[in-house]
PDB file of N, CA and C in Angstrom:
ATOM      1  N   MET A   1      85.323  94.405  97.217  1.00  0.00           N
ATOM      2  CA  MET A   1      85.136  95.156  96.007  1.00  0.00           C
ATOM      3  C   MET A   1      84.649  94.223  94.917  1.00  0.00           C
ATOM      4  N   ASN A   2      83.765  94.705  94.082  1.00  0.00           N
ATOM      5  CA  ASN A   2      83.205  93.943  92.984  1.00  0.00           C
ATOM      6  C   ASN A   2      84.204  93.904  91.832  1.00  0.00           C
ATOM      7  N   ALA A   3      84.716  92.732  91.500  1.00  0.00           N
ATOM      8  CA  ALA A   3      85.791  92.591  90.526  1.00  0.00           C
ATOM      9  C   ALA A   3      85.377  92.998  89.122  1.00  0.00           C
ATOM     10  N   ASP A   4      84.086  92.851  88.735  1.00  0.00           N
ATOM     11  CA  ASP A   4      83.698  93.213  87.390  1.00  0.00           C
ATOM     12  C   ASP A   4      83.224  94.660  87.289  1.00  0.00           C
ATOM     13  N   LYS A   5      83.395  95.451  88.330  1.00  0.00           N
ATOM     14  CA  LYS A   5      83.022  96.862  88.314  1.00  0.00           C
ATOM     15  C   LYS A   5      84.272  97.704  88.105  1.00  0.00           C
ATOM     16  N   ALA A   6      84.625  97.929  86.848  1.00  0.00           N
ATOM     17  CA  ALA A   6      85.782  98.765  86.543  1.00  0.00           C
ATOM     18  C   ALA A   6      85.275 100.159  86.213  1.00  0.00           C
ATOM     19  N   GLY A   7      86.173 101.106  86.129  1.00  0.00           N
ATOM     20  CA  GLY A   7      85.772 102.450  85.739  1.00  0.00           C
ATOM     21  C   GLY A   7      86.074 103.460  86.808  1.00  0.00           C
ATOM     22  N   SER A   8      85.135 104.379  86.974  1.00  0.00           N
ATOM     23  CA  SER A   8      85.381 105.480  87.885  1.00  0.00           C
ATOM     24  C   SER A   8      84.213 105.658  88.851  1.00  0.00           C
ATOM     25  N   LEU A   9      84.416 106.559  89.774  1.00  0.00           N
ATOM     26  CA  LEU A   9      83.409 106.937  90.764  1.00  0.00           C
ATOM     27  C   LEU A   9      82.948 108.355  90.450  1.00  0.00           C
ATOM     28  N   HIS A  10      81.699 108.627  90.693  1.00  0.00           N
ATOM     29  CA  HIS A  10      81.226 110.006  90.586  1.00  0.00           C
ATOM     30  C   HIS A  10      81.290 110.601  91.991  1.00  0.00           C
ATOM     31  N   LEU A  11      82.073 111.665  92.151  1.00  0.00           N
ATOM     32  CA  LEU A  11      82.237 112.335  93.443  1.00  0.00           C
ATOM     33  C   LEU A  11      81.470 113.649  93.420  1.00  0.00           C
ATOM     34  N   ARG A  12      80.652 113.827  94.438  1.00  0.00           N
ATOM     35  CA  ARG A  12      79.921 115.086  94.607  1.00  0.00           C
ATOM     36  C   ARG A  12      80.138 115.536  96.044  1.00  0.00           C
ATOM     37  N   VAL A  13      80.702 116.727  96.220  1.00  0.00           N
ATOM     38  CA  VAL A  13      80.961 117.291  97.547  1.00  0.00           C
ATOM     39  C   VAL A  13      80.097 118.541  97.697  1.00  0.00           C
ATOM     40  N   LEU A  14      79.238 118.517  98.701  1.00  0.00           N
ATOM     41  CA  LEU A  14      78.294 119.610  98.940  1.00  0.00           C
ATOM     42  C   LEU A  14      78.593 120.300 100.258  1.00  0.00           C
ATOM     43  N   THR A  15      78.538 121.630 100.230  1.00  0.00           N
ATOM     44  CA  THR A  15      78.619 122.424 101.454  1.00  0.00           C
ATOM     45  C   THR A  15      77.265 123.116 101.602  1.00  0.00           C
ATOM     46  N   PRO A  16      76.995 123.745 102.728  1.00  0.00           N
ATOM     47  CA  PRO A  16      75.714 124.445 102.868  1.00  0.00           C
ATOM     48  C   PRO A  16      75.510 125.556 101.825  1.00  0.00           C
ATOM     49  N   ARG A  17      76.594 126.074 101.262  1.00  0.00           N
ATOM     50  CA  ARG A  17      76.488 127.193 100.318  1.00  0.00           C
ATOM     51  C   ARG A  17      76.509 126.809  98.849  1.00  0.00           C
ATOM     52  N   ARG A  18      77.178 125.669  98.521  1.00  0.00           N
ATOM     53  CA  ARG A  18      77.328 125.352  97.098  1.00  0.00           C
ATOM     54  C   ARG A  18      77.847 123.936  96.894  1.00  0.00           C
ATOM     55  N   VAL A  19      77.868 123.551  95.617  1.00  0.00           N
ATOM     56  CA  VAL A  19      78.503 122.296  95.229  1.00  0.00           C
ATOM     57  C   VAL A  19      79.985 122.602  95.062  1.00  0.00           C
ATOM     58  N   LEU A  20      80.817 121.975  95.862  1.00  0.00           N
ATOM     59  CA  LEU A  20      82.249 122.230  95.840  1.00  0.00           C
ATOM     60  C   LEU A  20      82.940 121.393  94.764  1.00  0.00           C
ATOM     61  N   VAL A  21      82.508 120.129  94.606  1.00  0.00           N
ATOM     62  CA  VAL A  21      83.093 119.233  93.606  1.00  0.00           C
ATOM     63  C   VAL A  21      81.972 118.424  92.969  1.00  0.00           C
ATOM     64  N   ASP A  22      82.035 118.282  91.655  1.00  0.00           N
ATOM     65  CA  ASP A  22      81.141 117.397  90.906  1.00  0.00           C
ATOM     66  C   ASP A  22      82.003 116.826  89.795  1.00  0.00           C
ATOM     67  N   ALA A  23      82.638 115.662  90.052  1.00  0.00           N
ATOM     68  CA  ALA A  23      83.664 115.160  89.140  1.00  0.00           C
ATOM     69  C   ALA A  23      83.743 113.639  89.166  1.00  0.00           C
ATOM     70  N   GLU A  24      84.367 113.101  88.145  1.00  0.00           N
ATOM     71  CA  GLU A  24      84.679 111.678  88.093  1.00  0.00           C
ATOM     72  C   GLU A  24      86.039 111.467  88.753  1.00  0.00           C
ATOM     73  N   ALA A  25      86.212 110.341  89.427  1.00  0.00           N
ATOM     74  CA  ALA A  25      87.469 110.052  90.118  1.00  0.00           C
ATOM     75  C   ALA A  25      87.776 108.561  90.015  1.00  0.00           C
ATOM     76  N   ASP A  26      89.074 108.240  89.977  1.00  0.00           N
ATOM     77  CA  ASP A  26      89.520 106.849  89.998  1.00  0.00           C
ATOM     78  C   ASP A  26      89.669 106.345  91.430  1.00  0.00           C
ATOM     79  N   GLU A  27      89.983 107.257  92.337  1.00  0.00           N
ATOM     80  CA  GLU A  27      90.205 106.916  93.748  1.00  0.00           C
ATOM     81  C   GLU A  27      89.892 108.131  94.594  1.00  0.00           C
ATOM     82  N   ILE A  28      89.308 107.900  95.776  1.00  0.00           N
ATOM     83  CA  ILE A  28      88.957 108.978  96.696  1.00  0.00           C
ATOM     84  C   ILE A  28      89.496 108.619  98.072  1.00  0.00           C
ATOM     85  N   GLN A  29      90.093 109.590  98.749  1.00  0.00           N
ATOM     86  CA  GLN A  29      90.562 109.422 100.133  1.00  0.00           C
ATOM     87  C   GLN A  29      89.750 110.369 101.009  1.00  0.00           C
ATOM     88  N   LEU A  30      89.127 109.803 102.063  1.00  0.00           N
ATOM     89  CA  LEU A  30      88.301 110.578 102.979  1.00  0.00           C
ATOM     90  C   LEU A  30      88.870 110.524 104.392  1.00  0.00           C
ATOM     91  N   PRO A  31      88.786 111.631 105.140  1.00  0.00           N
ATOM     92  CA  PRO A  31      89.240 111.627 106.539  1.00  0.00           C
ATOM     93  C   PRO A  31      88.096 111.226 107.477  1.00  0.00           C
ATOM     94  N   SER A  32      87.921 109.939 107.732  1.00  0.00           N
ATOM     95  CA  SER A  32      86.851 109.498 108.625  1.00  0.00           C
ATOM     96  C   SER A  32      87.259 109.742 110.083  1.00  0.00           C
ATOM     97  N   LEU A  33      86.317 109.596 110.982  1.00  0.00           N
ATOM     98  CA  LEU A  33      86.622 109.764 112.408  1.00  0.00           C
ATOM     99  C   LEU A  33      87.592 108.703 112.910  1.00  0.00           C
ATOM    100  N   GLU A  34      87.627 107.542 112.254  1.00  0.00           N
ATOM    101  CA  GLU A  34      88.514 106.450 112.662  1.00  0.00           C
ATOM    102  C   GLU A  34      89.841 106.456 111.912  1.00  0.00           C
ATOM    103  N   GLY A  35      90.031 107.379 110.991  1.00  0.00           N
ATOM    104  CA  GLY A  35      91.249 107.443 110.184  1.00  0.00           C
ATOM    105  C   GLY A  35      90.908 107.553 108.715  1.00  0.00           C
ATOM    106  N   ALA A  36      91.921 107.627 107.876  1.00  0.00           N
ATOM    107  CA  ALA A  36      91.716 107.787 106.436  1.00  0.00           C
ATOM    108  C   ALA A  36      91.093 106.529 105.842  1.00  0.00           C
ATOM    109  N   ILE A  37      90.214 106.730 104.874  1.00  0.00           N
ATOM    110  CA  ILE A  37      89.577 105.617 104.182  1.00  0.00           C
ATOM    111  C   ILE A  37      89.730 105.836 102.681  1.00  0.00           C
ATOM    112  N   GLY A  38      90.150 104.804 101.992  1.00  0.00           N
ATOM    113  CA  GLY A  38      90.319 104.861 100.540  1.00  0.00           C
ATOM    114  C   GLY A  38      89.139 104.211  99.846  1.00  0.00           C
ATOM    115  N   ILE A  39      88.617 104.871  98.819  1.00  0.00           N
ATOM    116  CA  ILE A  39      87.448 104.379  98.091  1.00  0.00           C
ATOM    117  C   ILE A  39      87.848 104.159  96.633  1.00  0.00           C
ATOM    118  N   LEU A  40      87.557 102.967  96.124  1.00  0.00           N
ATOM    119  CA  LEU A  40      87.773 102.615  94.723  1.00  0.00           C
ATOM    120  C   LEU A  40      86.437 102.226  94.112  1.00  0.00           C
ATOM    121  N   PRO A  41      86.315 102.253  92.779  1.00  0.00           N
ATOM    122  CA  PRO A  41      85.070 101.800  92.148  1.00  0.00           C
ATOM    123  C   PRO A  41      84.709 100.385  92.606  1.00  0.00           C
ATOM    124  N   GLY A  42      83.434 100.147  92.843  1.00  0.00           N
ATOM    125  CA  GLY A  42      82.975  98.846  93.294  1.00  0.00           C
ATOM    126  C   GLY A  42      82.952  98.679  94.805  1.00  0.00           C
ATOM    127  N   HIS A  43      83.262  99.744  95.552  1.00  0.00           N
ATOM    128  CA  HIS A  43      83.275  99.683  97.021  1.00  0.00           C
ATOM    129  C   HIS A  43      81.896  99.282  97.548  1.00  0.00           C
ATOM    130  N   ALA A  44      81.872  98.564  98.633  1.00  0.00           N
ATOM    131  CA  ALA A  44      80.613  98.193  99.285  1.00  0.00           C
ATOM    132  C   ALA A  44      79.915  99.449  99.808  1.00  0.00           C
ATOM    133  N   PRO A  45      78.587  99.489  99.802  1.00  0.00           N
ATOM    134  CA  PRO A  45      77.859 100.647 100.332  1.00  0.00           C
ATOM    135  C   PRO A  45      78.228 100.905 101.796  1.00  0.00           C
ATOM    136  N   LEU A  46      78.353 102.192 102.133  1.00  0.00           N
ATOM    137  CA  LEU A  46      78.821 102.576 103.458  1.00  0.00           C
ATOM    138  C   LEU A  46      78.417 104.011 103.747  1.00  0.00           C
ATOM    139  N   MET A  47      78.045 104.286 104.988  1.00  0.00           N
ATOM    140  CA  MET A  47      77.874 105.655 105.479  1.00  0.00           C
ATOM    141  C   MET A  47      78.989 105.879 106.477  1.00  0.00           C
ATOM    142  N   VAL A  48      79.668 107.025 106.386  1.00  0.00           N
ATOM    143  CA  VAL A  48      80.799 107.275 107.273  1.00  0.00           C
ATOM    144  C   VAL A  48      80.775 108.723 107.761  1.00  0.00           C
ATOM    145  N   ALA A  49      81.103 108.896 109.046  1.00  0.00           N
ATOM    146  CA  ALA A  49      81.251 110.233 109.625  1.00  0.00           C
ATOM    147  C   ALA A  49      82.666 110.717 109.332  1.00  0.00           C
ATOM    148  N   LEU A  50      82.773 111.961 108.900  1.00  0.00           N
ATOM    149  CA  LEU A  50      84.076 112.535 108.570  1.00  0.00           C
ATOM    150  C   LEU A  50      84.598 113.387 109.712  1.00  0.00           C
ATOM    151  N   GLY A  51      85.910 113.385 109.863  1.00  0.00           N
ATOM    152  CA  GLY A  51      86.569 114.250 110.826  1.00  0.00           C
ATOM    153  C   GLY A  51      87.287 115.368 110.093  1.00  0.00           C
ATOM    154  N   LYS A  52      88.025 116.163 110.833  1.00  0.00           N
ATOM    155  CA  LYS A  52      88.868 117.193 110.215  1.00  0.00           C
ATOM    156  C   LYS A  52      89.987 116.508 109.458  1.00  0.00           C
ATOM    157  N   GLY A  53      90.305 117.008 108.294  1.00  0.00           N
ATOM    158  CA  GLY A  53      91.388 116.414 107.530  1.00  0.00           C
ATOM    159  C   GLY A  53      91.328 116.818 106.074  1.00  0.00           C
ATOM    160  N   VAL A  54      92.029 116.065 105.245  1.00  0.00           N
ATOM    161  CA  VAL A  54      92.125 116.372 103.816  1.00  0.00           C
ATOM    162  C   VAL A  54      91.341 115.338 103.025  1.00  0.00           C
ATOM    163  N   LEU A  55      90.450 115.817 102.189  1.00  0.00           N
ATOM    164  CA  LEU A  55      89.742 114.978 101.233  1.00  0.00           C
ATOM    165  C   LEU A  55      90.494 115.109  99.914  1.00  0.00           C
ATOM    166  N   SER A  56      90.853 113.987  99.310  1.00  0.00           N
ATOM    167  CA  SER A  56      91.554 114.043  98.027  1.00  0.00           C
ATOM    168  C   SER A  56      90.949 113.036  97.068  1.00  0.00           C
ATOM    169  N   TYR A  57      91.099 113.344  95.787  1.00  0.00           N
ATOM    170  CA  TYR A  57      90.646 112.407  94.770  1.00  0.00           C
ATOM    171  C   TYR A  57      91.580 112.477  93.578  1.00  0.00           C
ATOM    172  N   ARG A  58      91.682 111.329  92.899  1.00  0.00           N
ATOM    173  CA  ARG A  58      92.611 111.189  91.778  1.00  0.00           C
ATOM    174  C   ARG A  58      91.843 110.782  90.541  1.00  0.00           C
ATOM    175  N   ARG A  59      92.204 111.401  89.434  1.00  0.00           N
ATOM    176  CA  ARG A  59      91.681 111.025  88.123  1.00  0.00           C
ATOM    177  C   ARG A  59      92.859 110.999  87.172  1.00  0.00           C
ATOM    178  N   GLY A  60      93.229 109.807  86.702  1.00  0.00           N
ATOM    179  CA  GLY A  60      94.406 109.688  85.852  1.00  0.00           C
ATOM    180  C   GLY A  60      95.638 110.079  86.644  1.00  0.00           C
ATOM    181  N   SER A  61      96.453 110.957  86.083  1.00  0.00           N
ATOM    182  CA  SER A  61      97.665 111.391  86.779  1.00  0.00           C
ATOM    183  C   SER A  61      97.443 112.653  87.614  1.00  0.00           C
ATOM    184  N   GLY A  62      96.245 113.234  87.552  1.00  0.00           N
ATOM    185  CA  GLY A  62      95.963 114.447  88.319  1.00  0.00           C
ATOM    186  C   GLY A  62      95.321 114.144  89.657  1.00  0.00           C
ATOM    187  N   GLU A  63      95.617 114.975  90.639  1.00  0.00           N
ATOM    188  CA  GLU A  63      95.030 114.819  91.974  1.00  0.00           C
ATOM    189  C   GLU A  63      94.564 116.168  92.481  1.00  0.00           C
ATOM    190  N   GLU A  64      93.406 116.183  93.127  1.00  0.00           N
ATOM    191  CA  GLU A  64      92.860 117.390  93.748  1.00  0.00           C
ATOM    192  C   GLU A  64      92.667 117.093  95.231  1.00  0.00           C
ATOM    193  N   SER A  65      92.860 118.104  96.056  1.00  0.00           N
ATOM    194  CA  SER A  65      92.660 117.907  97.496  1.00  0.00           C
ATOM    195  C   SER A  65      92.273 119.220  98.155  1.00  0.00           C
ATOM    196  N   PHE A  66      91.605 119.098  99.296  1.00  0.00           N
ATOM    197  CA  PHE A  66      91.238 120.275 100.079  1.00  0.00           C
ATOM    198  C   PHE A  66      90.904 119.829 101.498  1.00  0.00           C
ATOM    199  N   ALA A  67      91.002 120.755 102.411  1.00  0.00           N
ATOM    200  CA  ALA A  67      90.731 120.466 103.821  1.00  0.00           C
ATOM    201  C   ALA A  67      89.232 120.550 104.087  1.00  0.00           C
ATOM    202  N   VAL A  68      88.753 119.657 104.960  1.00  0.00           N
ATOM    203  CA  VAL A  68      87.352 119.679 105.389  1.00  0.00           C
ATOM    204  C   VAL A  68      87.299 119.692 106.916  1.00  0.00           C
ATOM    205  N   GLN A  69      86.157 120.132 107.430  1.00  0.00           N
ATOM    206  CA  GLN A  69      85.982 120.274 108.877  1.00  0.00           C
ATOM    207  C   GLN A  69      85.061 119.223 109.473  1.00  0.00           C
ATOM    208  N   GLY A  70      84.858 118.121 108.755  1.00  0.00           N
ATOM    209  CA  GLY A  70      83.957 117.085 109.240  1.00  0.00           C
ATOM    210  C   GLY A  70      82.763 116.965 108.315  1.00  0.00           C
ATOM    211  N   GLY A  71      81.811 116.128 108.681  1.00  0.00           N
ATOM    212  CA  GLY A  71      80.609 115.927 107.879  1.00  0.00           C
ATOM    213  C   GLY A  71      80.269 114.458 107.768  1.00  0.00           C
ATOM    214  N   GLN A  72      79.625 114.100 106.659  1.00  0.00           N
ATOM    215  CA  GLN A  72      79.212 112.725 106.406  1.00  0.00           C
ATOM    216  C   GLN A  72      79.468 112.384 104.948  1.00  0.00           C
ATOM    217  N   ALA A  73      79.640 111.099 104.667  1.00  0.00           N
ATOM    218  CA  ALA A  73      79.793 110.633 103.292  1.00  0.00           C
ATOM    219  C   ALA A  73      78.927 109.399 103.091  1.00  0.00           C
ATOM    220  N   GLN A  74      78.257 109.363 101.948  1.00  0.00           N
ATOM    221  CA  GLN A  74      77.510 108.184 101.527  1.00  0.00           C
ATOM    222  C   GLN A  74      78.291 107.572 100.375  1.00  0.00           C
ATOM    223  N   ILE A  75      78.686 106.321 100.525  1.00  0.00           N
ATOM    224  CA  ILE A  75      79.514 105.635  99.539  1.00  0.00           C
ATOM    225  C   ILE A  75      78.694 104.519  98.910  1.00  0.00           C
ATOM    226  N   LEU A  76      78.619 104.526  97.594  1.00  0.00           N
ATOM    227  CA  LEU A  76      77.988 103.459  96.828  1.00  0.00           C
ATOM    228  C   LEU A  76      79.041 102.907  95.871  1.00  0.00           C
ATOM    229  N   SER A  77      78.721 101.847  95.158  1.00  0.00           N
ATOM    230  CA  SER A  77      79.731 101.211  94.293  1.00  0.00           C
ATOM    231  C   SER A  77      80.222 102.117  93.180  1.00  0.00           C
ATOM    232  N   ASP A  78      79.402 103.082  92.748  1.00  0.00           N
ATOM    233  CA  ASP A  78      79.793 103.936  91.630  1.00  0.00           C
ATOM    234  C   ASP A  78      79.752 105.426  91.933  1.00  0.00           C
ATOM    235  N   LYS A  79      79.418 105.803  93.171  1.00  0.00           N
ATOM    236  CA  LYS A  79      79.403 107.231  93.512  1.00  0.00           C
ATOM    237  C   LYS A  79      79.627 107.461  94.991  1.00  0.00           C
ATOM    238  N   VAL A  80      80.133 108.657  95.279  1.00  0.00           N
ATOM    239  CA  VAL A  80      80.384 109.083  96.655  1.00  0.00           C
ATOM    240  C   VAL A  80      79.801 110.480  96.805  1.00  0.00           C
ATOM    241  N   MET A  81      78.921 110.651  97.795  1.00  0.00           N
ATOM    242  CA  MET A  81      78.308 111.932  98.084  1.00  0.00           C
ATOM    243  C   MET A  81      78.819 112.380  99.446  1.00  0.00           C
ATOM    244  N   VAL A  82      79.419 113.565  99.500  1.00  0.00           N
ATOM    245  CA  VAL A  82      80.014 114.087 100.728  1.00  0.00           C
ATOM    246  C   VAL A  82      79.288 115.369 101.121  1.00  0.00           C
ATOM    247  N   PHE A  83      78.889 115.448 102.372  1.00  0.00           N
ATOM    248  CA  PHE A  83      78.274 116.647 102.939  1.00  0.00           C
ATOM    249  C   PHE A  83      79.249 117.173 103.985  1.00  0.00           C
ATOM    250  N   THR A  84      79.789 118.377 103.776  1.00  0.00           N
ATOM    251  CA  THR A  84      80.855 118.865 104.645  1.00  0.00           C
ATOM    252  C   THR A  84      80.878 120.387 104.716  1.00  0.00           C
ATOM    253  N   GLU A  85      81.727 120.867 105.588  1.00  0.00           N
ATOM    254  CA  GLU A  85      82.092 122.286 105.669  1.00  0.00           C
ATOM    255  C   GLU A  85      83.527 122.393 105.188  1.00  0.00           C
ATOM    256  N   PRO A  86      83.814 123.285 104.247  1.00  0.00           N
ATOM    257  CA  PRO A  86      85.215 123.450 103.847  1.00  0.00           C
ATOM    258  C   PRO A  86      85.991 124.141 104.959  1.00  0.00           C
ATOM    259  N   SER A  87      87.275 123.881 105.013  1.00  0.00           N
ATOM    260  CA  SER A  87      88.126 124.560 105.977  1.00  0.00           C
ATOM    261  C   SER A  87      88.261 126.016 105.565  1.00  0.00           C
ATOM    262  N   GLU A  88      88.267 126.911 106.533  1.00  0.00           N
ATOM    263  CA  GLU A  88      88.459 128.332 106.217  1.00  0.00           C
ATOM    264  C   GLU A  88      89.862 128.587 105.684  1.00  0.00           C
ATOM    265  N   ASP A  89      90.820 127.719 106.039  1.00  0.00           N
ATOM    266  CA  ASP A  89      92.192 127.874 105.565  1.00  0.00           C
ATOM    267  C   ASP A  89      92.357 127.491 104.097  1.00  0.00           C
ATOM    268  N   ASP A  90      91.474 126.637 103.579  1.00  0.00           N
ATOM    269  CA  ASP A  90      91.629 126.096 102.233  1.00  0.00           C
ATOM    270  C   ASP A  90      90.252 125.862 101.616  1.00  0.00           C
ATOM    271  N   PRO A  91      89.514 126.949 101.268  1.00  0.00           N
ATOM    272  CA  PRO A  91      88.147 126.769 100.818  1.00  0.00           C
ATOM    273  C   PRO A  91      87.991 126.197  99.413  1.00  0.00           C
ATOM    274  N   GLU A  92      88.994 126.272  98.566  1.00  0.00           N
ATOM    275  CA  GLU A  92      88.904 125.782  97.197  1.00  0.00           C
ATOM    276  C   GLU A  92      89.787 124.556  97.002  1.00  0.00           C
ATOM    277  N   PRO A  93      89.343 123.598  96.179  1.00  0.00           N
ATOM    278  CA  PRO A  93      90.209 122.453  95.870  1.00  0.00           C
ATOM    279  C   PRO A  93      91.508 122.909  95.207  1.00  0.00           C
ATOM    280  N   SER A  94      92.619 122.236  95.537  1.00  0.00           N
ATOM    281  CA  SER A  94      93.886 122.535  94.889  1.00  0.00           C
ATOM    282  C   SER A  94      94.253 121.358  94.008  1.00  0.00           C
ATOM    283  N   SER A  95      94.945 121.641  92.939  1.00  0.00           N
ATOM    284  CA  SER A  95      95.224 120.630  91.931  1.00  0.00           C
ATOM    285  C   SER A  95      96.724 120.394  91.774  1.00  0.00           C
ATOM    286  N   THR A  96      97.100 119.125  91.588  1.00  0.00           N
ATOM    287  CA  THR A  96      98.467 118.765  91.227  1.00  0.00           C
ATOM    288  C   THR A  96      98.378 117.852  90.026  1.00  0.00           C
ATOM    289  N   ARG A  97      98.952 118.274  88.941  1.00  0.00           N
ATOM    290  CA  ARG A  97      98.882 117.483  87.703  1.00  0.00           C
ATOM    291  C   ARG A  97     100.221 117.237  87.150  1.00  0.00           C
TER     292      ARG A  97
END
């Protein structure tokens, strides 16, 4: 991680039908095929295949999460772009604040 890169990440989650999330985040958790991966600002560039699981992100003291059915994520030092299918059981992000 780049030590002088403080701040937040821009998270954009896209499904075939719409933009599900377009938000700033302090931390993002993704369900990769190899297990959960945590993303912080300044992360090294990475492409990752997603498995079934929960995608969550935190901004301040609030956290949002929702189930996904797989897909791909492009991770850059200041943004994360996710292409996925939402789970039919949980199509909308849920919030805990």
